[in-house]
Amino acid sequence: EYTDIAVVCGTSAIDLAIQICPVIYTGYNKSLLILNRIRDNVDCQGTLDTSVAPPVLRFSFPIREGNACGSNFMTTSAPGTGIFSDFSNVQSVNVSGMVRSFDPTIGTITYNAELKYYYSCAYPLEYLINNTQVDSSSSIALKDNNGSFISTLSMALYEDINYTTPLVMPSLGIELRSNIYVQVVASNLTSYFVLLDRCYASVNPQPSNSTSFNLFICSIDQLTTMLENGDSQKARFYFPAFRFIEQQNETISTYYLHCITRLCERSTCSSFKQCNRKRRSVVATVIKEGITKPSVLIVPIKAKTETCTSPM
């Protein structure tokens, strides 16, 4: 196994660790390993770490186009699989580059071997996010796993159309037909817009074998109003509070909000609005597929169950 370089594809940064001993043995030092030919930016230079064995030279840079120390960004498309199998086009972005040795030898020949260390991280651009907190905006955090932008996404509920007052869920539930305003935001991803492909409510926090209702799935339910989608780093919509009929004997109808969210390049977002996907009925259904990473952290929506009593 090749262990001279270790790559961690983080949620907001890429970290590289290069063993320094082979570098010194070849005739170089830490200042002669250059990331993507960038020599004059201190943020792109390596830092020697002798607290580990063997010692390593560490590089760390953010995953932001234009500020990723010269890394290459390449977007690819493929049919969706698993929970995204309904979608004919799911994109991923690959971030790659190279750390290369700089030979200071002056003259016609050199006896120093050239060192090249390649890195590559693949990040999906389609995510399932769940409402994680109803009284304040909260980011969804995941352990780094082959690269994910899920920690840049957050979903929050508001009680006004200007999205200024976070919705604090009453202990007895929100009144039926009261508007619930939803906002999904991507932070630190200026190269990508947020496009909601599908949002739905389910009776159980994990929708496996759970009754659900589509608020929209490409097309929009007649009672759901889309305010902004695929035009910036945020998406907004609202819907009137409802209850599930199967919870009619309960004082409060509790359900959970989920959104399948696409991060798309500015130039391509408009094409994904054309509903280029498999058909799926926009009615109450039973979701049978299991939900795997990255669905985490859920808090319910509570709606009052209205009852009428006849006077004696």
C-alpha atoms as a PDB file:
ATOM      1  CA  GLU A   1       0.000   0.000   0.000  1.00  0.00           C
ATOM      2  CA  TYR A   2       1.265   3.455  -0.969  1.00  0.00           C
ATOM      3  CA  THR A   3       1.557   5.438   2.274  1.00  0.00           C
ATOM      4  CA  ASP A   4       3.849   8.362   1.423  1.00  0.00           C
ATOM      5  CA  ILE A   5       0.783  10.645   1.245  1.00  0.00           C
ATOM      6  CA  ALA A   6      -2.461  10.569   3.221  1.00  0.00           C
ATOM      7  CA  VAL A   7      -5.498  12.513   1.977  1.00  0.00           C
ATOM      8  CA  VAL A   8      -8.488  13.525   4.095  1.00  0.00           C
ATOM      9  CA  CYS A   9     -11.448  14.812   2.079  1.00  0.00           C
ATOM     10  CA  GLY A  10     -13.028  17.070   4.670  1.00  0.00           C
ATOM     11  CA  THR A  11     -16.397  18.769   4.742  1.00  0.00           C
ATOM     12  CA  SER A  12     -14.859  22.230   4.356  1.00  0.00           C
ATOM     13  CA  ALA A  13     -11.156  21.584   3.648  1.00  0.00           C
ATOM     14  CA  ILE A  14      -8.787  19.013   2.162  1.00  0.00           C
ATOM     15  CA  ASP A  15      -5.878  17.899   4.342  1.00  0.00           C
ATOM     16  CA  LEU A  16      -2.693  16.297   2.993  1.00  0.00           C
ATOM     17  CA  ALA A  17       0.062  14.611   5.029  1.00  0.00           C
ATOM     18  CA  ILE A  18       3.302  13.716   3.198  1.00  0.00           C
ATOM     19  CA  GLN A  19       6.014  11.689   4.929  1.00  0.00           C
ATOM     20  CA  ILE A  20       9.057  13.955   5.122  1.00  0.00           C
ATOM     21  CA  CYS A  21      11.815  11.347   5.494  1.00  0.00           C
ATOM     22  CA  PRO A  22      11.716  10.147   1.842  1.00  0.00           C
ATOM     23  CA  VAL A  23      11.696  13.818   0.792  1.00  0.00           C
ATOM     24  CA  ILE A  24      14.879  14.577   2.750  1.00  0.00           C
ATOM     25  CA  TYR A  25      16.513  11.337   1.554  1.00  0.00           C
ATOM     26  CA  THR A  26      15.884  12.421  -2.064  1.00  0.00           C
ATOM     27  CA  GLY A  27      17.636  15.746  -1.452  1.00  0.00           C
ATOM     28  CA  TYR A  28      14.798  18.153  -0.740  1.00  0.00           C
ATOM     29  CA  ASN A  29      13.431  19.917   2.342  1.00  0.00           C
ATOM     30  CA  LYS A  30       9.966  21.048   3.413  1.00  0.00           C
ATOM     31  CA  SER A  31      10.193  24.380   1.559  1.00  0.00           C
ATOM     32  CA  LEU A  32      10.886  22.614  -1.737  1.00  0.00           C
ATOM     33  CA  LEU A  33       7.565  20.765  -1.885  1.00  0.00           C
ATOM     34  CA  ILE A  34       5.163  23.053  -3.759  1.00  0.00           C
ATOM     35  CA  LEU A  35       1.373  22.679  -3.910  1.00  0.00           C
ATOM     36  CA  ASN A  36       0.018  23.182  -7.448  1.00  0.00           C
ATOM     37  CA  ARG A  37       2.999  25.400  -8.388  1.00  0.00           C
ATOM     38  CA  ILE A  38       1.944  28.081  -5.877  1.00  0.00           C
ATOM     39  CA  ARG A  39       5.036  29.334  -4.061  1.00  0.00           C
ATOM     40  CA  ASP A  40       4.109  32.855  -2.956  1.00  0.00           C
ATOM     41  CA  ASN A  41       1.022  32.105  -0.849  1.00  0.00           C
ATOM     42  CA  VAL A  42       1.799  31.221   2.756  1.00  0.00           C
ATOM     43  CA  ASP A  43      -1.645  29.591   3.142  1.00  0.00           C
ATOM     44  CA  CYS A  44      -0.673  27.021   0.510  1.00  0.00           C
ATOM     45  CA  GLN A  45       2.672  26.087   2.055  1.00  0.00           C
ATOM     46  CA  GLY A  46       3.314  22.945   4.078  1.00  0.00           C
ATOM     47  CA  THR A  47       3.844  22.791   7.840  1.00  0.00           C
ATOM     48  CA  LEU A  48       6.226  20.240   9.366  1.00  0.00           C
ATOM     49  CA  ASP A  49       4.671  18.040  12.047  1.00  0.00           C
ATOM     50  CA  THR A  50       7.235  16.128  14.129  1.00  0.00           C
ATOM     51  CA  SER A  51       4.748  15.093  16.811  1.00  0.00           C
ATOM     52  CA  VAL A  52       3.822  11.976  14.815  1.00  0.00           C
ATOM     53  CA  ALA A  53       5.933   9.034  13.704  1.00  0.00           C
ATOM     54  CA  PRO A  54       7.040   9.171  10.999  1.00  0.00           C
ATOM     55  CA  PRO A  55       7.036  12.995  10.776  1.00  0.00           C
ATOM     56  CA  VAL A  56       4.923  14.522   7.991  1.00  0.00           C
ATOM     57  CA  LEU A  57       4.535  17.727   6.044  1.00  0.00           C
ATOM     58  CA  ARG A  58       0.922  18.912   6.278  1.00  0.00           C
ATOM     59  CA  PHE A  59      -1.051  20.948   3.750  1.00  0.00           C
ATOM     60  CA  SER A  60      -4.586  22.174   4.400  1.00  0.00           C
ATOM     61  CA  PHE A  61      -6.722  24.323   2.107  1.00  0.00           C
ATOM     62  CA  PRO A  62     -10.433  25.210   1.839  1.00  0.00           C
ATOM     63  CA  ILE A  63     -12.773  23.678  -0.745  1.00  0.00           C
ATOM     64  CA  ARG A  64     -13.769  26.876  -2.479  1.00  0.00           C
ATOM     65  CA  GLU A  65     -13.212  27.429  -6.166  1.00  0.00           C
ATOM     66  CA  GLY A  66     -10.759  30.284  -6.576  1.00  0.00           C
ATOM     67  CA  ASN A  67      -9.405  29.768  -3.061  1.00  0.00           C
ATOM     68  CA  ALA A  68      -8.329  26.115  -3.067  1.00  0.00           C
ATOM     69  CA  CYS A  69      -4.605  26.631  -3.683  1.00  0.00           C
ATOM     70  CA  GLY A  70      -4.844  25.960  -7.401  1.00  0.00           C
ATOM     71  CA  SER A  71      -6.881  22.750  -7.175  1.00  0.00           C
ATOM     72  CA  ASN A  72      -8.811  21.605 -10.236  1.00  0.00           C
ATOM     73  CA  PHE A  73     -12.617  21.334 -10.011  1.00  0.00           C
ATOM     74  CA  MET A  74     -14.379  18.970 -12.431  1.00  0.00           C
ATOM     75  CA  THR A  75     -18.113  18.250 -12.369  1.00  0.00           C
ATOM     76  CA  THR A  76     -19.449  14.939 -13.697  1.00  0.00           C
ATOM     77  CA  SER A  77     -22.984  13.542 -14.075  1.00  0.00           C
ATOM     78  CA  ALA A  78     -24.449  10.044 -13.733  1.00  0.00           C
ATOM     79  CA  PRO A  79     -27.882   8.446 -13.137  1.00  0.00           C
ATOM     80  CA  GLY A  80     -28.969   8.491  -9.495  1.00  0.00           C
ATOM     81  CA  THR A  81     -28.821   5.376  -7.320  1.00  0.00           C
ATOM     82  CA  GLY A  82     -30.245   4.379  -3.925  1.00  0.00           C
ATOM     83  CA  ILE A  83     -32.475   7.071  -2.449  1.00  0.00           C
ATOM     84  CA  PHE A  84     -31.714   9.220  -5.522  1.00  0.00           C
ATOM     85  CA  SER A  85     -32.688   6.529  -8.049  1.00  0.00           C
ATOM     86  CA  ASP A  86     -35.672   8.648  -9.166  1.00  0.00           C
ATOM     87  CA  PHE A  87     -33.292  11.190 -10.668  1.00  0.00           C
ATOM     88  CA  SER A  88     -31.758  10.670 -14.103  1.00  0.00           C
ATOM     89  CA  ASN A  89     -28.905  13.120 -13.541  1.00  0.00           C
ATOM     90  CA  VAL A  90     -26.989  13.367 -10.250  1.00  0.00           C
ATOM     91  CA  GLN A  91     -23.799  15.416 -10.263  1.00  0.00           C
ATOM     92  CA  SER A  92     -20.511  15.082  -8.385  1.00  0.00           C
ATOM     93  CA  VAL A  93     -17.515  17.382  -8.262  1.00  0.00           C
ATOM     94  CA  ASN A  94     -13.925  16.109  -8.178  1.00  0.00           C
ATOM     95  CA  VAL A  95     -11.252  18.298  -6.563  1.00  0.00           C
ATOM     96  CA  SER A  96      -7.720  17.304  -7.527  1.00  0.00           C
ATOM     97  CA  GLY A  97      -4.151  18.548  -7.704  1.00  0.00           C
ATOM     98  CA  MET A  98      -0.514  17.753  -7.060  1.00  0.00           C
ATOM     99  CA  VAL A  99       2.324  18.492  -4.653  1.00  0.00           C
ATOM    100  CA  ARG A 100       5.566  18.575  -6.623  1.00  0.00           C
ATOM    101  CA  SER A 101       9.213  18.976  -5.724  1.00  0.00           C
ATOM    102  CA  PHE A 102      11.146  22.046  -6.847  1.00  0.00           C
ATOM    103  CA  ASP A 103      14.752  21.319  -7.790  1.00  0.00           C
ATOM    104  CA  PRO A 104      17.052  24.257  -6.881  1.00  0.00           C
ATOM    105  CA  THR A 105      19.966  22.813  -8.849  1.00  0.00           C
ATOM    106  CA  ILE A 106      21.564  25.333 -11.212  1.00  0.00           C
ATOM    107  CA  GLY A 107      23.009  23.820 -14.343  1.00  0.00           C
ATOM    108  CA  THR A 108      22.277  21.401 -17.124  1.00  0.00           C
ATOM    109  CA  ILE A 109      21.754  18.202 -15.118  1.00  0.00           C
ATOM    110  CA  THR A 110      20.566  17.105 -11.663  1.00  0.00           C
ATOM    111  CA  TYR A 111      20.895  13.966  -9.613  1.00  0.00           C
ATOM    112  CA  ASN A 112      17.714  14.606  -7.623  1.00  0.00           C
ATOM    113  CA  ALA A 113      14.651  12.547  -8.492  1.00  0.00           C
ATOM    114  CA  GLU A 114      11.460  14.486  -9.141  1.00  0.00           C
ATOM    115  CA  LEU A 115       8.740  13.880  -6.531  1.00  0.00           C
ATOM    116  CA  LYS A 116       5.041  14.096  -7.368  1.00  0.00           C
ATOM    117  CA  TYR A 117       2.180  13.526  -4.923  1.00  0.00           C
ATOM    118  CA  TYR A 118      -1.328  13.455  -6.390  1.00  0.00           C
ATOM    119  CA  TYR A 119      -4.566  13.962  -4.475  1.00  0.00           C
ATOM    120  CA  SER A 120      -8.200  13.672  -5.515  1.00  0.00           C
ATOM    121  CA  CYS A 121     -11.464  14.056  -3.606  1.00  0.00           C
ATOM    122  CA  ALA A 122     -14.947  13.330  -4.964  1.00  0.00           C
ATOM    123  CA  TYR A 123     -17.960  15.152  -3.501  1.00  0.00           C
ATOM    124  CA  PRO A 124     -21.576  14.340  -4.391  1.00  0.00           C
ATOM    125  CA  LEU A 125     -23.834  17.308  -5.129  1.00  0.00           C
ATOM    126  CA  GLU A 126     -27.133  15.665  -4.134  1.00  0.00           C
ATOM    127  CA  TYR A 127     -28.117  15.282  -0.476  1.00  0.00           C
ATOM    128  CA  LEU A 128     -31.002  14.286   1.734  1.00  0.00           C
ATOM    129  CA  ILE A 129     -31.324  16.761   4.581  1.00  0.00           C
ATOM    130  CA  ASN A 130     -33.792  16.682   7.431  1.00  0.00           C
ATOM    131  CA  ASN A 131     -35.144  19.495   9.527  1.00  0.00           C
ATOM    132  CA  THR A 132     -32.788  19.491  12.480  1.00  0.00           C
ATOM    133  CA  GLN A 133     -34.010  22.321  14.674  1.00  0.00           C
ATOM    134  CA  VAL A 134     -37.172  24.369  14.636  1.00  0.00           C
ATOM    135  CA  ASP A 135     -36.308  27.195  16.991  1.00  0.00           C
ATOM    136  CA  SER A 136     -33.064  28.315  15.357  1.00  0.00           C
ATOM    137  CA  SER A 137     -31.044  27.640  12.230  1.00  0.00           C
ATOM    138  CA  SER A 138     -28.641  24.717  12.650  1.00  0.00           C
ATOM    139  CA  SER A 139     -26.076  23.204  10.306  1.00  0.00           C
ATOM    140  CA  ILE A 140     -25.992  19.468   9.686  1.00  0.00           C
ATOM    141  CA  ALA A 141     -22.603  18.003  10.541  1.00  0.00           C
ATOM    142  CA  LEU A 142     -21.232  14.656   9.431  1.00  0.00           C
ATOM    143  CA  LYS A 143     -17.946  12.886   9.868  1.00  0.00           C
ATOM    144  CA  ASP A 144     -15.835  13.215   6.765  1.00  0.00           C
ATOM    145  CA  ASN A 145     -16.524  10.230   4.553  1.00  0.00           C
ATOM    146  CA  ASN A 146     -14.922  10.318   1.115  1.00  0.00           C
ATOM    147  CA  GLY A 147     -15.887  13.948   0.860  1.00  0.00           C
ATOM    148  CA  SER A 148     -19.234  15.598   1.579  1.00  0.00           C
ATOM    149  CA  PHE A 149     -20.662  19.116   1.447  1.00  0.00           C
ATOM    150  CA  ILE A 150     -23.543  18.198   3.766  1.00  0.00           C
ATOM    151  CA  SER A 151     -22.110  20.296   6.620  1.00  0.00           C
ATOM    152  CA  THR A 152     -22.485  23.424   4.501  1.00  0.00           C
ATOM    153  CA  LEU A 153     -26.268  22.890   4.282  1.00  0.00           C
ATOM    154  CA  SER A 154     -28.761  24.009   6.903  1.00  0.00           C
ATOM    155  CA  MET A 155     -32.541  24.017   7.071  1.00  0.00           C
ATOM    156  CA  ALA A 156     -34.659  26.215   9.327  1.00  0.00           C
ATOM    157  CA  LEU A 157     -38.342  27.040   9.808  1.00  0.00           C
ATOM    158  CA  TYR A 158     -39.735  30.576  10.082  1.00  0.00           C
ATOM    159  CA  GLU A 159     -43.103  32.091  10.948  1.00  0.00           C
ATOM    160  CA  ASP A 160     -43.036  35.008   8.472  1.00  0.00           C
ATOM    161  CA  ILE A 161     -42.572  35.374   4.723  1.00  0.00           C
ATOM    162  CA  ASN A 162     -39.583  37.688   5.229  1.00  0.00           C
ATOM    163  CA  TYR A 163     -37.736  34.890   7.063  1.00  0.00           C
ATOM    164  CA  THR A 164     -36.810  37.120   9.979  1.00  0.00           C
ATOM    165  CA  THR A 165     -38.503  35.298  12.885  1.00  0.00           C
ATOM    166  CA  PRO A 166     -37.553  31.656  13.523  1.00  0.00           C
ATOM    167  CA  LEU A 167     -40.526  29.411  14.192  1.00  0.00           C
ATOM    168  CA  VAL A 168     -40.683  28.235  17.791  1.00  0.00           C
ATOM    169  CA  MET A 169     -42.927  25.189  17.832  1.00  0.00           C
ATOM    170  CA  PRO A 170     -45.682  25.525  20.500  1.00  0.00           C
ATOM    171  CA  SER A 171     -45.862  22.671  22.985  1.00  0.00           C
ATOM    172  CA  LEU A 172     -49.441  21.945  21.872  1.00  0.00           C
ATOM    173  CA  GLY A 173     -48.571  22.193  18.190  1.00  0.00           C
ATOM    174  CA  ILE A 174     -49.068  24.787  15.480  1.00  0.00           C
ATOM    175  CA  GLU A 175     -52.560  25.679  14.282  1.00  0.00           C
ATOM    176  CA  LEU A 176     -53.755  23.793  11.211  1.00  0.00           C
ATOM    177  CA  ARG A 177     -53.518  25.807   7.978  1.00  0.00           C
ATOM    178  CA  SER A 178     -50.899  28.128   9.523  1.00  0.00           C
ATOM    179  CA  ASN A 179     -48.121  28.777   7.028  1.00  0.00           C
ATOM    180  CA  ILE A 180     -44.756  27.157   7.761  1.00  0.00           C
ATOM    181  CA  TYR A 181     -41.882  28.925   5.988  1.00  0.00           C
ATOM    182  CA  VAL A 182     -38.866  26.740   5.111  1.00  0.00           C
ATOM    183  CA  GLN A 183     -35.387  27.891   4.138  1.00  0.00           C
ATOM    184  CA  VAL A 184     -32.430  25.747   3.010  1.00  0.00           C
ATOM    185  CA  VAL A 185     -29.066  27.529   2.841  1.00  0.00           C
ATOM    186  CA  ALA A 186     -25.597  26.551   1.592  1.00  0.00           C
ATOM    187  CA  SER A 187     -22.727  28.418   3.232  1.00  0.00           C
ATOM    188  CA  ASN A 188     -19.202  28.899   1.848  1.00  0.00           C
ATOM    189  CA  LEU A 189     -20.135  27.431  -1.550  1.00  0.00           C
ATOM    190  CA  THR A 190     -20.220  30.488  -3.793  1.00  0.00           C
ATOM    191  CA  SER A 191     -19.796  28.375  -6.940  1.00  0.00           C
ATOM    192  CA  TYR A 192     -23.020  26.423  -6.375  1.00  0.00           C
ATOM    193  CA  PHE A 193     -26.718  27.213  -6.111  1.00  0.00           C
ATOM    194  CA  VAL A 194     -29.244  25.336  -3.959  1.00  0.00           C
ATOM    195  CA  LEU A 195     -31.957  23.466  -5.859  1.00  0.00           C
ATOM    196  CA  LEU A 196     -34.600  21.456  -3.975  1.00  0.00           C
ATOM    197  CA  ASP A 197     -35.580  18.386  -5.996  1.00  0.00           C
ATOM    198  CA  ARG A 198     -38.077  17.018  -3.528  1.00  0.00           C
ATOM    199  CA  CYS A 199     -39.383  17.879  -0.061  1.00  0.00           C
ATOM    200  CA  TYR A 200     -41.762  15.663   1.855  1.00  0.00           C
ATOM    201  CA  ALA A 201     -43.127  14.987   5.327  1.00  0.00           C
ATOM    202  CA  SER A 202     -43.152  11.577   6.998  1.00  0.00           C
ATOM    203  CA  VAL A 203     -44.817  10.164  10.084  1.00  0.00           C
ATOM    204  CA  ASN A 204     -41.553   8.632  11.336  1.00  0.00           C
ATOM    205  CA  PRO A 205     -38.177  10.402  11.588  1.00  0.00           C
ATOM    206  CA  GLN A 206     -36.581   7.728   9.387  1.00  0.00           C
ATOM    207  CA  PRO A 207     -38.965   7.342   6.427  1.00  0.00           C
ATOM    208  CA  SER A 208     -38.339   3.616   5.883  1.00  0.00           C
ATOM    209  CA  ASN A 209     -41.794   1.975   5.608  1.00  0.00           C
ATOM    210  CA  SER A 210     -43.375   5.232   6.766  1.00  0.00           C
ATOM    211  CA  THR A 211     -46.392   7.081   5.411  1.00  0.00           C
ATOM    212  CA  SER A 212     -45.256  10.282   3.711  1.00  0.00           C
ATOM    213  CA  PHE A 213     -46.687  13.229   1.813  1.00  0.00           C
ATOM    214  CA  ASN A 214     -44.861  15.074  -0.980  1.00  0.00           C
ATOM    215  CA  LEU A 215     -44.864  18.840  -0.567  1.00  0.00           C
ATOM    216  CA  PHE A 216     -43.307  18.939  -4.013  1.00  0.00           C
ATOM    217  CA  ILE A 217     -41.403  16.527  -6.203  1.00  0.00           C
ATOM    218  CA  CYS A 218     -40.297  18.392  -9.310  1.00  0.00           C
ATOM    219  CA  SER A 219     -43.897  19.574  -9.752  1.00  0.00           C
ATOM    220  CA  ILE A 220     -45.415  21.435  -6.803  1.00  0.00           C
ATOM    221  CA  ASP A 221     -48.397  20.485  -4.666  1.00  0.00           C
ATOM    222  CA  GLN A 222     -51.195  23.029  -5.124  1.00  0.00           C
ATOM    223  CA  LEU A 223     -50.924  24.191  -1.508  1.00  0.00           C
ATOM    224  CA  THR A 224     -47.126  24.544  -1.521  1.00  0.00           C
ATOM    225  CA  THR A 225     -45.734  27.913  -2.628  1.00  0.00           C
ATOM    226  CA  MET A 226     -42.173  28.069  -3.975  1.00  0.00           C
ATOM    227  CA  LEU A 227     -40.516  31.450  -3.434  1.00  0.00           C
ATOM    228  CA  GLU A 228     -36.959  30.772  -4.584  1.00  0.00           C
ATOM    229  CA  ASN A 229     -35.268  27.640  -5.881  1.00  0.00           C
ATOM    230  CA  GLY A 230     -32.074  27.144  -7.885  1.00  0.00           C
ATOM    231  CA  ASP A 231     -31.306  30.859  -8.181  1.00  0.00           C
ATOM    232  CA  SER A 232     -28.881  31.487  -5.309  1.00  0.00           C
ATOM    233  CA  GLN A 233     -27.261  29.879  -2.250  1.00  0.00           C
ATOM    234  CA  LYS A 234     -30.687  29.548  -0.631  1.00  0.00           C
ATOM    235  CA  ALA A 235     -34.071  28.020  -1.441  1.00  0.00           C
ATOM    236  CA  ARG A 236     -37.366  29.091   0.139  1.00  0.00           C
ATOM    237  CA  PHE A 237     -40.922  27.778   0.133  1.00  0.00           C
ATOM    238  CA  TYR A 238     -43.888  27.562   2.462  1.00  0.00           C
ATOM    239  CA  PHE A 239     -46.858  25.286   3.046  1.00  0.00           C
ATOM    240  CA  PRO A 240     -49.918  25.269   5.354  1.00  0.00           C
ATOM    241  CA  ALA A 241     -49.706  23.058   8.432  1.00  0.00           C
ATOM    242  CA  PHE A 242     -51.661  19.824   8.034  1.00  0.00           C
ATOM    243  CA  ARG A 243     -52.120  16.553   9.894  1.00  0.00           C
ATOM    244  CA  PHE A 244     -51.860  12.906   8.886  1.00  0.00           C
ATOM    245  CA  ILE A 245     -55.210  11.100   8.982  1.00  0.00           C
ATOM    246  CA  GLU A 246     -53.640   8.030  10.591  1.00  0.00           C
ATOM    247  CA  GLN A 247     -52.894  10.219  13.643  1.00  0.00           C
ATOM    248  CA  GLN A 248     -56.530  11.310  14.043  1.00  0.00           C
ATOM    249  CA  ASN A 249     -56.807   9.805  17.520  1.00  0.00           C
ATOM    250  CA  GLU A 250     -53.783  11.741  18.775  1.00  0.00           C
ATOM    251  CA  THR A 251     -53.961  15.224  20.281  1.00  0.00           C
ATOM    252  CA  ILE A 252     -50.971  16.369  18.242  1.00  0.00           C
ATOM    253  CA  SER A 253     -50.046  15.219  14.735  1.00  0.00           C
ATOM    254  CA  THR A 254     -46.253  14.951  14.680  1.00  0.00           C
ATOM    255  CA  TYR A 255     -44.342  14.589  11.420  1.00  0.00           C
ATOM    256  CA  TYR A 256     -40.880  15.172  10.018  1.00  0.00           C
ATOM    257  CA  LEU A 257     -39.678  17.320   7.137  1.00  0.00           C
ATOM    258  CA  HIS A 258     -37.075  16.054   4.638  1.00  0.00           C
ATOM    259  CA  CYS A 259     -35.610  17.672   1.504  1.00  0.00           C
ATOM    260  CA  ILE A 260     -33.541  16.125  -1.275  1.00  0.00           C
ATOM    261  CA  THR A 261     -31.195  18.977  -2.121  1.00  0.00           C
ATOM    262  CA  ARG A 262     -29.031  19.442  -5.177  1.00  0.00           C
ATOM    263  CA  LEU A 263     -25.973  21.682  -5.339  1.00  0.00           C
ATOM    264  CA  CYS A 264     -25.644  22.733  -8.971  1.00  0.00           C
ATOM    265  CA  GLU A 265     -23.284  24.996 -10.832  1.00  0.00           C
ATOM    266  CA  ARG A 266     -24.763  28.387 -11.678  1.00  0.00           C
ATOM    267  CA  SER A 267     -24.656  27.655 -15.397  1.00  0.00           C
ATOM    268  CA  THR A 268     -26.481  24.313 -15.102  1.00  0.00           C
ATOM    269  CA  CYS A 269     -29.134  24.881 -12.427  1.00  0.00           C
ATOM    270  CA  SER A 270     -31.724  25.991 -14.973  1.00  0.00           C
ATOM    271  CA  SER A 271     -31.485  22.675 -16.824  1.00  0.00           C
ATOM    272  CA  PHE A 272     -32.316  20.717 -13.663  1.00  0.00           C
ATOM    273  CA  LYS A 273     -35.535  22.718 -13.250  1.00  0.00           C
ATOM    274  CA  GLN A 274     -36.938  21.005 -16.344  1.00  0.00           C
ATOM    275  CA  CYS A 275     -38.041  17.921 -14.357  1.00  0.00           C
ATOM    276  CA  ASN A 276     -35.663  15.607 -16.232  1.00  0.00           C
ATOM    277  CA  ARG A 277     -36.374  12.668 -13.940  1.00  0.00           C
ATOM    278  CA  LYS A 278     -38.555   9.610 -13.599  1.00  0.00           C
ATOM    279  CA  ARG A 279     -42.225  10.168 -12.898  1.00  0.00           C
ATOM    280  CA  ARG A 280     -43.502   9.748  -9.364  1.00  0.00           C
ATOM    281  CA  SER A 281     -47.014  10.363  -8.076  1.00  0.00           C
ATOM    282  CA  VAL A 282     -47.447  13.417  -5.868  1.00  0.00           C
ATOM    283  CA  VAL A 283     -49.733  11.782  -3.330  1.00  0.00           C
ATOM    284  CA  ALA A 284     -49.443  10.217   0.087  1.00  0.00           C
ATOM    285  CA  THR A 285     -47.247   7.144  -0.310  1.00  0.00           C
ATOM    286  CA  VAL A 286     -45.328   4.609   1.732  1.00  0.00           C
ATOM    287  CA  ILE A 287     -41.581   5.037   1.439  1.00  0.00           C
ATOM    288  CA  LYS A 288     -39.975   1.593   1.444  1.00  0.00           C
ATOM    289  CA  GLU A 289     -36.339   2.373   0.724  1.00  0.00           C
ATOM    290  CA  GLY A 290     -34.005   2.791   3.673  1.00  0.00           C
ATOM    291  CA  ILE A 291     -32.336   6.114   4.334  1.00  0.00           C
ATOM    292  CA  THR A 292     -28.570   5.943   4.653  1.00  0.00           C
ATOM    293  CA  LYS A 293     -25.932   8.606   5.079  1.00  0.00           C
ATOM    294  CA  PRO A 294     -26.209  11.569   5.058  1.00  0.00           C
ATOM    295  CA  SER A 295     -29.567  11.702   6.865  1.00  0.00           C
ATOM    296  CA  VAL A 296     -29.007  12.681  10.495  1.00  0.00           C
ATOM    297  CA  LEU A 297     -30.481  14.834  13.250  1.00  0.00           C
ATOM    298  CA  ILE A 298     -34.258  15.244  13.221  1.00  0.00           C
ATOM    299  CA  VAL A 299     -36.783  17.290  15.218  1.00  0.00           C
ATOM    300  CA  PRO A 300     -40.544  17.075  14.521  1.00  0.00           C
ATOM    301  CA  ILE A 301     -43.208  19.495  13.344  1.00  0.00           C
ATOM    302  CA  LYS A 302     -46.289  19.439  15.567  1.00  0.00           C
ATOM    303  CA  ALA A 303     -49.770  20.291  14.322  1.00  0.00           C
ATOM    304  CA  LYS A 304     -52.913  20.517  16.431  1.00  0.00           C
ATOM    305  CA  THR A 305     -55.661  17.986  15.787  1.00  0.00           C
ATOM    306  CA  GLU A 306     -58.922  19.940  15.677  1.00  0.00           C
ATOM    307  CA  THR A 307     -62.037  18.380  17.208  1.00  0.00           C
ATOM    308  CA  CYS A 308     -65.605  19.557  17.182  1.00  0.00           C
ATOM    309  CA  THR A 309     -68.170  18.747  19.867  1.00  0.00           C
ATOM    310  CA  SER A 310     -71.941  19.137  19.567  1.00  0.00           C
ATOM    311  CA  PRO A 311     -73.718  21.263  22.201  1.00  0.00           C
ATOM    312  CA  MET A 312     -75.867  19.361  24.663  1.00  0.00           C
END
